[in-house]
Amino acid sequence: MGLRTFLAIDLPFALHSAIGQNLRTVKRELPGLSWSKIENLHVNLKFFGETTESQVDQIRHAVEPAISHVSPFEVELKGFGVFPDHRSPRVLWIGLGGALDSLSQLADCVGRAVVPLGFPQEDRPFRPHLTVARVKKDHREVGRALNSLGVLTDPFTCGPLPVERITLFKSDLRQTGPIYTKLWDVSLQA
């Protein structure tokens, strides 16, 4: 049986705390959403899905040289957004600002590096975000509530996210929510 894996940027504890504070009011006003655990929040670079044990090492050996020319950088967590649209949201997320060109370049390097391993590149453009909640039902009502609360226009910031390494995570799906385990890190070169 394989592992369910993804490559992401992990968040420092201080950001988890700041995000939790920004979510408090929204959670109180929208109790029907399925909220992500704060400690699970990350910026996804590449979802692999089912992965064999041998592919875990192959991914590292492909990714490490591919990102060797990418220097550390910083992005800013700021503001809420939704997928697919504000009238009938399915996902509530926190957006990013700052060095988004560097972040896109990093995601592109990773995506191209793993194609020879059988992991196709994404068809859609890279949209960096942190998923904070999923809307399971009453999509239109949630959309109206988000708009009336001003959640999608509130320009809050949570602080900077230093991007200094990327992490391969294993995801174990449980009834209480996924449990993420770090399998390895690769540091960006200074």
N, C-alpha and C. Protein backbone atom coordinates (compact mmCIF):
# COMPACT_ATOMS: atom_id res chain seq x y z
N MET A 1 0.83 -1.18 0.00
CA MET A 1 0.00 0.00 0.00
C MET A 1 0.88 1.25 0.00
N GLY A 2 0.54 2.24 -0.83
CA GLY A 2 1.35 3.43 -0.97
C GLY A 2 1.06 4.48 0.09
N LEU A 3 1.81 5.54 0.01
CA LEU A 3 1.64 6.69 0.88
C LEU A 3 0.92 7.78 0.11
N ARG A 4 0.20 8.63 0.80
CA ARG A 4 -0.44 9.79 0.18
C ARG A 4 0.45 10.98 0.54
N THR A 5 1.10 11.60 -0.46
CA THR A 5 2.10 12.62 -0.17
C THR A 5 1.86 13.92 -0.92
N PHE A 6 2.48 14.98 -0.39
CA PHE A 6 2.48 16.27 -1.07
C PHE A 6 3.72 17.05 -0.62
N LEU A 7 4.15 17.97 -1.47
CA LEU A 7 5.29 18.82 -1.20
C LEU A 7 4.79 20.22 -0.88
N ALA A 8 5.26 20.79 0.23
CA ALA A 8 4.69 22.06 0.69
C ALA A 8 5.70 22.90 1.45
N ILE A 9 5.28 24.13 1.72
CA ILE A 9 6.02 25.02 2.59
C ILE A 9 5.29 25.00 3.94
N ASP A 10 6.01 24.58 4.95
CA ASP A 10 5.45 24.51 6.30
C ASP A 10 5.49 25.90 6.92
N LEU A 11 4.61 26.14 7.87
CA LEU A 11 4.53 27.44 8.53
C LEU A 11 5.17 27.39 9.91
N PRO A 12 5.86 28.47 10.30
CA PRO A 12 6.39 28.52 11.66
C PRO A 12 5.25 28.68 12.67
N PHE A 13 5.52 28.28 13.90
CA PHE A 13 4.50 28.32 14.95
C PHE A 13 3.89 29.70 15.13
N ALA A 14 4.70 30.75 15.05
CA ALA A 14 4.20 32.12 15.25
C ALA A 14 3.10 32.46 14.24
N LEU A 15 3.22 31.97 13.02
CA LEU A 15 2.18 32.22 12.02
C LEU A 15 0.91 31.43 12.32
N HIS A 16 1.07 30.21 12.81
CA HIS A 16 -0.12 29.44 13.20
C HIS A 16 -0.93 30.24 14.21
N SER A 17 -0.24 30.83 15.16
CA SER A 17 -0.89 31.62 16.22
C SER A 17 -1.61 32.83 15.64
N ALA A 18 -0.94 33.57 14.76
CA ALA A 18 -1.54 34.76 14.15
C ALA A 18 -2.75 34.40 13.29
N ILE A 19 -2.66 33.32 12.57
CA ILE A 19 -3.79 32.87 11.74
C ILE A 19 -4.96 32.50 12.64
N GLY A 20 -4.68 31.77 13.72
CA GLY A 20 -5.73 31.38 14.66
C GLY A 20 -6.48 32.59 15.20
N GLN A 21 -5.76 33.66 15.50
CA GLN A 21 -6.40 34.89 16.00
C GLN A 21 -7.28 35.52 14.92
N ASN A 22 -6.81 35.53 13.68
CA ASN A 22 -7.58 36.11 12.58
C ASN A 22 -8.82 35.28 12.25
N LEU A 23 -8.78 33.99 12.56
CA LEU A 23 -9.91 33.11 12.24
C LEU A 23 -10.98 33.08 13.33
N ARG A 24 -10.64 33.53 14.54
CA ARG A 24 -11.57 33.41 15.67
C ARG A 24 -12.96 33.95 15.38
N THR A 25 -13.05 35.17 14.91
CA THR A 25 -14.36 35.79 14.63
C THR A 25 -15.07 35.08 13.50
N VAL A 26 -14.34 34.76 12.46
CA VAL A 26 -14.94 34.09 11.29
C VAL A 26 -15.51 32.74 11.70
N LYS A 27 -14.77 32.00 12.50
CA LYS A 27 -15.24 30.68 12.96
C LYS A 27 -16.52 30.81 13.78
N ARG A 28 -16.56 31.85 14.61
CA ARG A 28 -17.75 32.07 15.45
C ARG A 28 -18.97 32.37 14.58
N GLU A 29 -18.78 33.15 13.52
CA GLU A 29 -19.88 33.56 12.64
C GLU A 29 -20.27 32.48 11.62
N LEU A 30 -19.36 31.57 11.33
CA LEU A 30 -19.61 30.52 10.32
C LEU A 30 -19.30 29.15 10.90
N PRO A 31 -20.10 28.70 11.86
CA PRO A 31 -19.80 27.45 12.54
C PRO A 31 -20.00 26.20 11.68
N GLY A 32 -20.70 26.31 10.57
CA GLY A 32 -21.00 25.12 9.77
C GLY A 32 -19.90 24.68 8.82
N LEU A 33 -18.79 25.41 8.77
CA LEU A 33 -17.71 25.05 7.86
C LEU A 33 -16.83 23.96 8.47
N SER A 34 -16.17 23.23 7.60
CA SER A 34 -15.21 22.21 8.04
C SER A 34 -13.83 22.88 8.08
N TRP A 35 -13.38 23.24 9.28
CA TRP A 35 -12.16 24.03 9.45
C TRP A 35 -10.92 23.15 9.47
N SER A 36 -9.88 23.61 8.79
CA SER A 36 -8.58 22.93 8.84
C SER A 36 -7.98 23.13 10.22
N LYS A 37 -7.24 22.14 10.69
CA LYS A 37 -6.50 22.32 11.94
C LYS A 37 -5.40 23.33 11.67
N ILE A 38 -5.25 24.29 12.56
CA ILE A 38 -4.26 25.35 12.39
C ILE A 38 -2.86 24.76 12.17
N GLU A 39 -2.52 23.72 12.92
CA GLU A 39 -1.17 23.14 12.80
C GLU A 39 -0.95 22.43 11.46
N ASN A 40 -2.03 22.18 10.71
CA ASN A 40 -1.90 21.52 9.40
C ASN A 40 -1.75 22.50 8.25
N LEU A 41 -1.87 23.80 8.50
CA LEU A 41 -1.83 24.77 7.41
C LEU A 41 -0.45 24.80 6.76
N HIS A 42 -0.46 24.91 5.44
CA HIS A 42 0.77 24.90 4.64
C HIS A 42 0.47 25.52 3.28
N VAL A 43 1.51 25.85 2.55
CA VAL A 43 1.37 26.30 1.16
C VAL A 43 1.75 25.11 0.29
N ASN A 44 0.78 24.55 -0.39
CA ASN A 44 1.02 23.37 -1.20
C ASN A 44 1.75 23.75 -2.49
N LEU A 45 2.81 23.00 -2.80
CA LEU A 45 3.55 23.20 -4.04
C LEU A 45 3.21 22.12 -5.07
N LYS A 46 3.05 20.88 -4.59
CA LYS A 46 2.75 19.77 -5.50
C LYS A 46 2.10 18.64 -4.71
N PHE A 47 0.91 18.24 -5.16
CA PHE A 47 0.23 17.08 -4.56
C PHE A 47 0.58 15.86 -5.40
N PHE A 48 1.11 14.82 -4.77
CA PHE A 48 1.50 13.62 -5.49
C PHE A 48 0.43 12.54 -5.43
N GLY A 49 -0.32 12.49 -4.35
CA GLY A 49 -1.29 11.41 -4.18
C GLY A 49 -0.56 10.14 -3.78
N GLU A 50 -1.02 9.02 -4.32
CA GLU A 50 -0.41 7.72 -3.99
C GLU A 50 1.04 7.68 -4.44
N THR A 51 1.91 7.39 -3.49
CA THR A 51 3.35 7.39 -3.72
C THR A 51 3.93 6.15 -3.06
N THR A 52 4.84 5.48 -3.77
CA THR A 52 5.50 4.31 -3.17
C THR A 52 6.68 4.77 -2.31
N GLU A 53 7.15 3.88 -1.46
CA GLU A 53 8.31 4.18 -0.61
C GLU A 53 9.51 4.58 -1.46
N SER A 54 9.74 3.88 -2.57
CA SER A 54 10.90 4.20 -3.42
C SER A 54 10.73 5.56 -4.09
N GLN A 55 9.50 5.96 -4.40
CA GLN A 55 9.28 7.26 -5.01
C GLN A 55 9.58 8.41 -4.04
N VAL A 56 9.43 8.16 -2.75
CA VAL A 56 9.73 9.19 -1.76
C VAL A 56 11.18 9.65 -1.91
N ASP A 57 12.11 8.71 -2.04
CA ASP A 57 13.52 9.04 -2.24
C ASP A 57 13.76 9.61 -3.63
N GLN A 58 13.09 9.05 -4.64
CA GLN A 58 13.25 9.55 -6.01
C GLN A 58 12.81 11.01 -6.11
N ILE A 59 11.73 11.36 -5.44
CA ILE A 59 11.24 12.74 -5.46
C ILE A 59 12.31 13.67 -4.87
N ARG A 60 12.88 13.26 -3.76
CA ARG A 60 13.93 14.09 -3.14
C ARG A 60 15.11 14.27 -4.09
N HIS A 61 15.56 13.18 -4.71
CA HIS A 61 16.71 13.25 -5.61
C HIS A 61 16.42 14.06 -6.86
N ALA A 62 15.16 14.16 -7.24
CA ALA A 62 14.78 14.98 -8.40
C ALA A 62 14.62 16.45 -8.01
N VAL A 63 14.04 16.69 -6.85
CA VAL A 63 13.72 18.06 -6.42
C VAL A 63 14.97 18.82 -5.95
N GLU A 64 15.83 18.16 -5.21
CA GLU A 64 16.99 18.84 -4.62
C GLU A 64 17.82 19.61 -5.65
N PRO A 65 18.27 18.98 -6.74
CA PRO A 65 19.05 19.76 -7.72
C PRO A 65 18.19 20.77 -8.48
N ALA A 66 16.91 20.48 -8.64
CA ALA A 66 16.03 21.38 -9.41
C ALA A 66 15.83 22.72 -8.71
N ILE A 67 15.90 22.73 -7.38
CA ILE A 67 15.69 23.99 -6.64
C ILE A 67 17.00 24.59 -6.14
N SER A 68 18.13 24.02 -6.54
CA SER A 68 19.42 24.45 -6.01
C SER A 68 19.75 25.91 -6.34
N HIS A 69 19.15 26.45 -7.39
CA HIS A 69 19.42 27.84 -7.77
C HIS A 69 18.41 28.83 -7.15
N VAL A 70 17.43 28.32 -6.40
CA VAL A 70 16.41 29.19 -5.80
C VAL A 70 16.88 29.63 -4.42
N SER A 71 17.00 30.94 -4.24
CA SER A 71 17.41 31.50 -2.94
C SER A 71 16.20 31.63 -2.03
N PRO A 72 16.44 31.63 -0.72
CA PRO A 72 15.33 31.87 0.21
C PRO A 72 14.67 33.23 -0.06
N PHE A 73 13.39 33.31 0.23
CA PHE A 73 12.63 34.53 0.01
C PHE A 73 11.51 34.59 1.04
N GLU A 74 10.70 35.62 0.96
CA GLU A 74 9.64 35.81 1.93
C GLU A 74 8.34 36.16 1.22
N VAL A 75 7.25 35.58 1.70
CA VAL A 75 5.92 35.96 1.23
C VAL A 75 5.13 36.43 2.45
N GLU A 76 4.03 37.08 2.19
CA GLU A 76 3.19 37.64 3.26
C GLU A 76 1.83 36.96 3.19
N LEU A 77 1.31 36.54 4.33
CA LEU A 77 -0.04 35.98 4.39
C LEU A 77 -1.00 37.13 4.61
N LYS A 78 -1.97 37.26 3.70
CA LYS A 78 -2.89 38.40 3.86
C LYS A 78 -4.20 38.17 3.14
N GLY A 79 -5.25 38.41 3.85
CA GLY A 79 -6.59 38.42 3.28
C GLY A 79 -7.17 37.05 2.98
N PHE A 80 -8.50 36.99 3.02
CA PHE A 80 -9.23 35.77 2.69
C PHE A 80 -9.67 35.79 1.23
N GLY A 81 -9.86 34.62 0.71
CA GLY A 81 -10.44 34.45 -0.62
C GLY A 81 -11.19 33.13 -0.65
N VAL A 82 -11.86 32.86 -1.76
CA VAL A 82 -12.64 31.62 -1.89
C VAL A 82 -12.44 31.01 -3.26
N PHE A 83 -12.65 29.72 -3.34
CA PHE A 83 -12.75 29.00 -4.62
C PHE A 83 -14.14 28.40 -4.67
N PRO A 84 -14.85 28.29 -5.75
CA PRO A 84 -14.51 28.87 -7.04
C PRO A 84 -14.91 30.35 -7.15
N ASP A 85 -15.94 30.79 -6.42
CA ASP A 85 -16.35 32.20 -6.49
C ASP A 85 -17.08 32.58 -5.20
N HIS A 86 -17.26 33.89 -4.98
CA HIS A 86 -17.84 34.38 -3.73
C HIS A 86 -19.33 34.11 -3.58
N ARG A 87 -20.03 33.80 -4.67
CA ARG A 87 -21.47 33.53 -4.57
C ARG A 87 -21.75 32.12 -4.05
N SER A 88 -20.88 31.18 -4.39
CA SER A 88 -21.10 29.80 -3.99
C SER A 88 -19.76 29.14 -3.63
N PRO A 89 -19.15 29.60 -2.54
CA PRO A 89 -17.80 29.12 -2.20
C PRO A 89 -17.79 27.66 -1.76
N ARG A 90 -16.70 26.99 -2.11
CA ARG A 90 -16.46 25.62 -1.67
C ARG A 90 -15.26 25.56 -0.72
N VAL A 91 -14.34 26.52 -0.89
CA VAL A 91 -13.10 26.57 -0.11
C VAL A 91 -12.85 28.01 0.33
N LEU A 92 -12.53 28.19 1.60
CA LEU A 92 -12.10 29.48 2.13
C LEU A 92 -10.60 29.40 2.36
N TRP A 93 -9.86 30.39 1.85
CA TRP A 93 -8.41 30.35 1.96
C TRP A 93 -7.84 31.70 2.36
N ILE A 94 -6.58 31.68 2.80
CA ILE A 94 -5.81 32.89 3.05
C ILE A 94 -4.84 33.04 1.89
N GLY A 95 -4.80 34.24 1.33
CA GLY A 95 -3.94 34.50 0.18
C GLY A 95 -2.55 34.92 0.59
N LEU A 96 -1.71 35.07 -0.43
CA LEU A 96 -0.32 35.46 -0.20
C LEU A 96 0.04 36.66 -1.05
N GLY A 97 1.00 37.42 -0.57
CA GLY A 97 1.56 38.54 -1.30
C GLY A 97 3.07 38.49 -1.15
N GLY A 98 3.74 39.50 -1.68
CA GLY A 98 5.20 39.54 -1.57
C GLY A 98 5.87 38.91 -2.77
N ALA A 99 6.86 38.08 -2.53
CA ALA A 99 7.69 37.49 -3.58
C ALA A 99 6.97 36.33 -4.28
N LEU A 100 5.82 36.62 -4.88
CA LEU A 100 5.04 35.57 -5.54
C LEU A 100 5.72 35.03 -6.79
N ASP A 101 6.54 35.86 -7.47
CA ASP A 101 7.29 35.35 -8.62
C ASP A 101 8.26 34.26 -8.19
N SER A 102 8.92 34.47 -7.07
CA SER A 102 9.85 33.46 -6.54
C SER A 102 9.09 32.19 -6.15
N LEU A 103 7.92 32.37 -5.55
CA LEU A 103 7.11 31.22 -5.14
C LEU A 103 6.63 30.43 -6.36
N SER A 104 6.19 31.14 -7.40
CA SER A 104 5.76 30.47 -8.63
C SER A 104 6.92 29.75 -9.30
N GLN A 105 8.10 30.38 -9.28
CA GLN A 105 9.29 29.75 -9.86
C GLN A 105 9.62 28.46 -9.10
N LEU A 106 9.52 28.51 -7.77
CA LEU A 106 9.79 27.33 -6.95
C LEU A 106 8.81 26.20 -7.29
N ALA A 107 7.53 26.52 -7.37
CA ALA A 107 6.51 25.52 -7.71
C ALA A 107 6.75 24.94 -9.10
N ASP A 108 7.14 25.80 -10.04
CA ASP A 108 7.41 25.35 -11.41
C ASP A 108 8.62 24.41 -11.46
N CYS A 109 9.68 24.76 -10.73
CA CYS A 109 10.87 23.91 -10.67
C CYS A 109 10.53 22.52 -10.13
N VAL A 110 9.75 22.51 -9.07
CA VAL A 110 9.32 21.24 -8.46
C VAL A 110 8.48 20.44 -9.45
N GLY A 111 7.49 21.12 -10.07
CA GLY A 111 6.60 20.43 -11.01
C GLY A 111 7.34 19.80 -12.18
N ARG A 112 8.29 20.53 -12.75
CA ARG A 112 9.06 20.00 -13.89
C ARG A 112 9.99 18.87 -13.46
N ALA A 113 10.55 18.97 -12.26
CA ALA A 113 11.51 17.97 -11.79
C ALA A 113 10.91 16.59 -11.61
N VAL A 114 9.62 16.52 -11.26
CA VAL A 114 9.02 15.22 -10.95
C VAL A 114 8.25 14.61 -12.13
N VAL A 115 8.18 15.30 -13.26
CA VAL A 115 7.50 14.75 -14.44
C VAL A 115 8.12 13.41 -14.86
N PRO A 116 9.47 13.30 -14.91
CA PRO A 116 10.06 12.01 -15.31
C PRO A 116 9.73 10.86 -14.35
N LEU A 117 9.27 11.18 -13.15
CA LEU A 117 8.91 10.15 -12.17
C LEU A 117 7.45 9.70 -12.32
N GLY A 118 6.75 10.29 -13.30
CA GLY A 118 5.36 9.90 -13.54
C GLY A 118 4.34 10.81 -12.90
N PHE A 119 4.76 11.97 -12.40
CA PHE A 119 3.84 12.93 -11.80
C PHE A 119 3.66 14.09 -12.77
N PRO A 120 2.54 14.13 -13.49
CA PRO A 120 2.35 15.17 -14.52
C PRO A 120 2.28 16.57 -13.92
N GLN A 121 2.67 17.55 -14.75
CA GLN A 121 2.55 18.94 -14.33
C GLN A 121 1.08 19.33 -14.32
N GLU A 122 0.75 20.30 -13.49
CA GLU A 122 -0.62 20.77 -13.37
C GLU A 122 -1.09 21.43 -14.66
N ASP A 123 -2.36 21.24 -15.00
CA ASP A 123 -2.96 21.89 -16.17
C ASP A 123 -3.30 23.34 -15.87
N ARG A 124 -3.62 23.62 -14.62
CA ARG A 124 -4.07 24.98 -14.26
C ARG A 124 -2.90 25.77 -13.66
N PRO A 125 -3.01 27.10 -13.71
CA PRO A 125 -1.93 27.93 -13.14
C PRO A 125 -1.82 27.76 -11.63
N PHE A 126 -0.62 27.98 -11.13
CA PHE A 126 -0.33 27.90 -9.70
C PHE A 126 -1.02 29.05 -8.99
N ARG A 127 -1.86 28.75 -7.98
CA ARG A 127 -2.58 29.76 -7.19
C ARG A 127 -2.22 29.56 -5.72
N PRO A 128 -1.15 30.18 -5.25
CA PRO A 128 -0.70 29.95 -3.87
C PRO A 128 -1.71 30.44 -2.84
N HIS A 129 -1.98 29.59 -1.86
CA HIS A 129 -2.95 29.91 -0.81
C HIS A 129 -2.82 28.91 0.32
N LEU A 130 -3.48 29.19 1.44
CA LEU A 130 -3.59 28.26 2.55
C LEU A 130 -5.07 27.96 2.73
N THR A 131 -5.47 26.73 2.54
CA THR A 131 -6.87 26.35 2.73
C THR A 131 -7.17 26.33 4.22
N VAL A 132 -8.14 27.17 4.65
CA VAL A 132 -8.48 27.23 6.07
C VAL A 132 -9.82 26.55 6.38
N ALA A 133 -10.69 26.40 5.35
CA ALA A 133 -11.98 25.75 5.60
C ALA A 133 -12.57 25.24 4.28
N ARG A 134 -13.40 24.22 4.41
CA ARG A 134 -14.16 23.70 3.27
C ARG A 134 -15.64 23.89 3.58
N VAL A 135 -16.37 24.27 2.55
CA VAL A 135 -17.81 24.49 2.69
C VAL A 135 -18.49 23.22 2.18
N LYS A 136 -19.10 22.48 3.09
CA LYS A 136 -19.71 21.19 2.73
C LYS A 136 -21.15 21.32 2.24
N LYS A 137 -21.86 22.36 2.72
CA LYS A 137 -23.26 22.53 2.32
C LYS A 137 -23.64 24.01 2.45
N ASP A 138 -24.81 24.34 1.96
CA ASP A 138 -25.33 25.71 2.05
C ASP A 138 -24.34 26.73 1.47
N HIS A 139 -23.78 26.40 0.30
CA HIS A 139 -22.74 27.23 -0.31
C HIS A 139 -23.18 28.67 -0.52
N ARG A 140 -24.39 28.86 -1.04
CA ARG A 140 -24.85 30.23 -1.31
C ARG A 140 -25.05 31.03 -0.02
N GLU A 141 -25.57 30.36 1.03
CA GLU A 141 -25.76 31.04 2.31
C GLU A 141 -24.40 31.44 2.91
N VAL A 142 -23.42 30.57 2.78
CA VAL A 142 -22.08 30.88 3.29
C VAL A 142 -21.50 32.06 2.50
N GLY A 143 -21.72 32.07 1.19
CA GLY A 143 -21.25 33.18 0.36
C GLY A 143 -21.86 34.50 0.81
N ARG A 144 -23.16 34.49 1.08
CA ARG A 144 -23.82 35.72 1.56
C ARG A 144 -23.27 36.14 2.91
N ALA A 145 -23.05 35.18 3.80
CA ALA A 145 -22.52 35.49 5.13
C ALA A 145 -21.10 36.06 5.03
N LEU A 146 -20.25 35.48 4.19
CA LEU A 146 -18.89 35.99 4.01
C LEU A 146 -18.92 37.43 3.51
N ASN A 147 -19.83 37.70 2.56
CA ASN A 147 -19.93 39.06 2.02
C ASN A 147 -20.46 40.03 3.07
N SER A 148 -21.50 39.64 3.80
CA SER A 148 -22.07 40.57 4.79
C SER A 148 -21.12 40.83 5.95
N LEU A 149 -20.29 39.85 6.28
CA LEU A 149 -19.30 40.03 7.36
C LEU A 149 -18.08 40.83 6.88
N GLY A 150 -17.94 40.99 5.58
CA GLY A 150 -16.78 41.70 5.03
C GLY A 150 -15.50 40.90 5.07
N VAL A 151 -15.63 39.60 5.24
CA VAL A 151 -14.46 38.73 5.37
C VAL A 151 -13.56 38.81 4.13
N LEU A 152 -14.17 38.87 2.95
CA LEU A 152 -13.37 38.82 1.72
C LEU A 152 -12.75 40.17 1.36
N THR A 153 -13.13 41.22 2.06
CA THR A 153 -12.55 42.53 1.78
C THR A 153 -11.66 43.02 2.91
N ASP A 154 -11.57 42.26 4.00
CA ASP A 154 -10.74 42.63 5.13
C ASP A 154 -9.27 42.38 4.77
N PRO A 155 -8.45 43.43 4.72
CA PRO A 155 -7.07 43.26 4.29
C PRO A 155 -6.11 42.87 5.42
N PHE A 156 -6.55 42.01 6.36
CA PHE A 156 -5.69 41.64 7.47
C PHE A 156 -4.38 41.04 6.98
N THR A 157 -3.36 41.12 7.80
CA THR A 157 -2.11 40.42 7.51
C THR A 157 -1.74 39.58 8.73
N CYS A 158 -1.10 38.49 8.48
CA CYS A 158 -0.67 37.60 9.57
C CYS A 158 0.83 37.69 9.81
N GLY A 159 1.52 38.34 8.92
CA GLY A 159 2.97 38.43 9.06
C GLY A 159 3.68 37.71 7.94
N PRO A 160 5.01 37.83 7.93
CA PRO A 160 5.80 37.23 6.85
C PRO A 160 5.97 35.72 7.03
N LEU A 161 6.07 35.05 5.91
CA LEU A 161 6.38 33.62 5.88
C LEU A 161 7.72 33.47 5.18
N PRO A 162 8.78 33.19 5.95
CA PRO A 162 10.07 32.96 5.30
C PRO A 162 10.05 31.61 4.59
N VAL A 163 10.42 31.61 3.32
CA VAL A 163 10.47 30.36 2.54
C VAL A 163 11.94 29.98 2.44
N GLU A 164 12.34 29.05 3.29
CA GLU A 164 13.74 28.64 3.38
C GLU A 164 13.93 27.16 3.09
N ARG A 165 12.83 26.42 3.10
CA ARG A 165 12.90 24.97 2.83
C ARG A 165 11.54 24.50 2.36
N ILE A 166 11.54 23.35 1.72
CA ILE A 166 10.29 22.71 1.33
C ILE A 166 10.26 21.32 1.97
N THR A 167 9.08 20.85 2.23
CA THR A 167 8.91 19.62 3.01
C THR A 167 8.00 18.65 2.28
N LEU A 168 8.39 17.38 2.26
CA LEU A 168 7.50 16.33 1.76
C LEU A 168 6.74 15.80 2.96
N PHE A 169 5.42 15.85 2.86
CA PHE A 169 4.54 15.37 3.92
C PHE A 169 3.82 14.10 3.48
N LYS A 170 3.58 13.25 4.46
CA LYS A 170 2.68 12.11 4.28
C LYS A 170 1.37 12.51 4.92
N SER A 171 0.26 12.19 4.27
CA SER A 171 -1.06 12.52 4.79
C SER A 171 -1.82 11.24 5.09
N ASP A 172 -2.19 11.07 6.35
CA ASP A 172 -3.04 9.93 6.75
C ASP A 172 -4.43 10.47 7.00
N LEU A 173 -5.39 10.03 6.20
CA LEU A 173 -6.76 10.51 6.35
C LEU A 173 -7.46 9.76 7.47
N ARG A 174 -8.03 10.52 8.40
CA ARG A 174 -8.76 9.96 9.54
C ARG A 174 -10.13 10.62 9.60
N GLN A 175 -11.03 10.05 10.36
CA GLN A 175 -12.36 10.65 10.51
C GLN A 175 -12.28 12.01 11.20
N THR A 176 -11.29 12.19 12.04
CA THR A 176 -11.13 13.45 12.76
C THR A 176 -10.35 14.48 11.94
N GLY A 177 -9.96 14.12 10.74
CA GLY A 177 -9.19 15.01 9.88
C GLY A 177 -7.83 14.40 9.56
N PRO A 178 -7.15 14.96 8.57
CA PRO A 178 -5.86 14.38 8.17
C PRO A 178 -4.78 14.62 9.23
N ILE A 179 -3.84 13.68 9.27
CA ILE A 179 -2.65 13.82 10.10
C ILE A 179 -1.47 13.88 9.15
N TYR A 180 -0.69 14.97 9.24
CA TYR A 180 0.45 15.18 8.37
C TYR A 180 1.74 14.84 9.11
N THR A 181 2.60 14.08 8.45
CA THR A 181 3.89 13.70 9.00
C THR A 181 4.98 14.12 8.02
N LYS A 182 6.00 14.81 8.52
CA LYS A 182 7.12 15.22 7.67
C LYS A 182 7.97 14.00 7.34
N LEU A 183 8.26 13.83 6.04
CA LEU A 183 9.13 12.73 5.61
C LEU A 183 10.55 13.24 5.37
N TRP A 184 10.69 14.42 4.77
CA TRP A 184 12.00 15.06 4.60
C TRP A 184 11.84 16.53 4.26
N ASP A 185 12.93 17.29 4.48
CA ASP A 185 13.03 18.71 4.13
C ASP A 185 14.18 18.87 3.15
N VAL A 186 14.06 19.85 2.27
CA VAL A 186 15.16 20.28 1.42
C VAL A 186 15.26 21.79 1.59
N SER A 187 16.45 22.26 1.95
CA SER A 187 16.65 23.70 2.16
C SER A 187 16.95 24.40 0.85
N LEU A 188 16.47 25.64 0.76
CA LEU A 188 16.84 26.49 -0.37
C LEU A 188 18.25 27.00 -0.10
N GLN A 189 18.99 27.26 -1.15
CA GLN A 189 20.39 27.70 -1.00
C GLN A 189 20.45 29.20 -0.75
N ALA A 190 21.22 29.61 0.21
CA ALA A 190 21.37 31.04 0.53
C ALA A 190 22.28 31.73 -0.47
